[in-house]
Amino acid sequence: MAKSKESQQHFNIMKHELVPEHKIMTEEEKKQLFKEYAITPDQLPQIMNDDPVCVSIGAKSGQIIKIIRKSHTAGEAVVYRLVVESNK
């Protein structure tokens, strides 16, 4: 039997050990990123605005997320994602 939404236990996805740190970048940080790598927003990989992490941190379409992952070889690996509107 399926549980109703009200009875499902909620948790903070950002505190899960397998979810890396996600930050919404400021306009100044975005400008610096584009200048440093000589790229435009449409050249970034995308993440949907209804992704559980985007919902959790309040990311909106058009914003850029900085994801900081722990790495055994590099210490940390930083990647970027452009938040896009879901097709739903």
Protein backbone atom coordinates (compact mmCIF):
# COMPACT_ATOMS: atom_id res chain seq x y z
CA MET A 1 0.00 0.00 0.00
CA ALA A 2 1.36 3.46 -0.91
CA LYS A 3 1.88 5.99 1.83
CA SER A 4 0.17 9.36 1.59
CA LYS A 5 2.38 12.44 1.26
CA GLU A 6 1.43 13.52 4.77
CA SER A 7 2.59 10.26 6.32
CA GLN A 8 5.91 10.08 4.43
CA GLN A 9 8.90 10.92 6.55
CA HIS A 10 10.76 14.01 5.29
CA PHE A 11 14.47 14.57 5.61
CA ASN A 12 16.98 17.21 4.57
CA ILE A 13 18.59 15.85 1.40
CA MET A 14 21.49 18.27 1.83
CA LYS A 15 22.58 16.44 4.97
CA HIS A 16 22.83 13.06 3.25
CA GLU A 17 26.42 11.78 3.15
CA LEU A 18 26.31 11.09 -0.61
CA VAL A 19 25.03 14.55 -1.60
CA PRO A 20 27.88 17.00 -2.25
CA GLU A 21 27.77 20.66 -1.27
CA HIS A 22 25.65 22.80 -3.63
CA LYS A 23 25.72 26.62 -3.70
CA ILE A 24 23.78 29.12 -5.79
CA MET A 25 26.31 31.46 -7.37
CA THR A 26 26.02 35.24 -7.11
CA GLU A 27 25.95 37.43 -10.23
CA GLU A 28 29.56 38.47 -9.57
CA GLU A 29 30.68 34.83 -9.21
CA LYS A 30 28.89 33.98 -12.47
CA LYS A 31 30.66 36.80 -14.34
CA GLN A 32 34.01 35.64 -12.99
CA LEU A 33 33.27 32.01 -14.00
CA PHE A 34 32.32 33.00 -17.57
CA LYS A 35 35.39 35.21 -17.91
CA GLU A 36 37.82 32.67 -16.42
CA TYR A 37 36.67 29.79 -18.63
CA ALA A 38 35.57 31.90 -21.64
CA ILE A 39 32.14 30.23 -21.70
CA THR A 40 28.48 31.18 -21.78
CA PRO A 41 25.69 29.75 -19.59
CA ASP A 42 24.34 27.54 -22.39
CA GLN A 43 27.70 25.71 -22.50
CA LEU A 44 27.25 24.41 -18.95
CA PRO A 45 25.68 21.06 -18.09
CA GLN A 46 22.10 21.45 -16.91
CA ILE A 47 20.11 20.55 -13.82
CA MET A 48 16.31 20.70 -13.68
CA ASN A 49 14.66 23.18 -11.33
CA ASP A 50 12.57 20.35 -9.85
CA ASP A 51 15.66 18.30 -8.91
CA PRO A 52 15.40 17.57 -5.15
CA VAL A 53 18.60 19.51 -4.43
CA CYS A 54 17.41 22.56 -6.42
CA VAL A 55 14.12 22.50 -4.55
CA SER A 56 15.95 22.17 -1.23
CA ILE A 57 18.26 25.16 -1.82
CA GLY A 58 15.64 27.26 -3.63
CA ALA A 59 17.41 27.36 -7.01
CA LYS A 60 15.46 28.96 -9.85
CA SER A 61 15.72 28.62 -13.61
CA GLY A 62 18.63 30.67 -14.99
CA GLN A 63 20.74 30.43 -11.83
CA ILE A 64 24.03 28.57 -11.71
CA ILE A 65 24.84 25.99 -9.06
CA LYS A 66 28.39 25.35 -7.89
CA ILE A 67 28.81 21.74 -6.76
CA ILE A 68 31.79 20.86 -4.58
CA ARG A 69 32.52 17.14 -4.37
CA LYS A 70 35.10 15.40 -2.23
CA SER A 71 37.76 13.68 -4.33
CA HIS A 72 40.26 11.05 -3.23
CA THR A 73 42.81 12.27 -5.78
CA ALA A 74 42.24 16.03 -6.00
CA GLY A 75 40.90 16.77 -2.52
CA GLU A 76 37.83 18.38 -4.03
CA ALA A 77 36.31 18.65 -7.48
CA VAL A 78 34.18 21.64 -8.46
CA VAL A 79 31.56 21.48 -11.20
CA TYR A 80 28.86 23.89 -12.34
CA ARG A 81 25.27 23.38 -13.50
CA LEU A 82 22.80 25.75 -15.15
CA VAL A 83 19.34 25.44 -13.61
CA VAL A 84 16.70 24.99 -16.31
CA GLU A 85 12.93 24.74 -16.28
CA SER A 86 11.53 21.23 -16.02
CA ASN A 87 9.39 19.99 -18.92
CA LYS A 88 6.71 18.77 -16.50
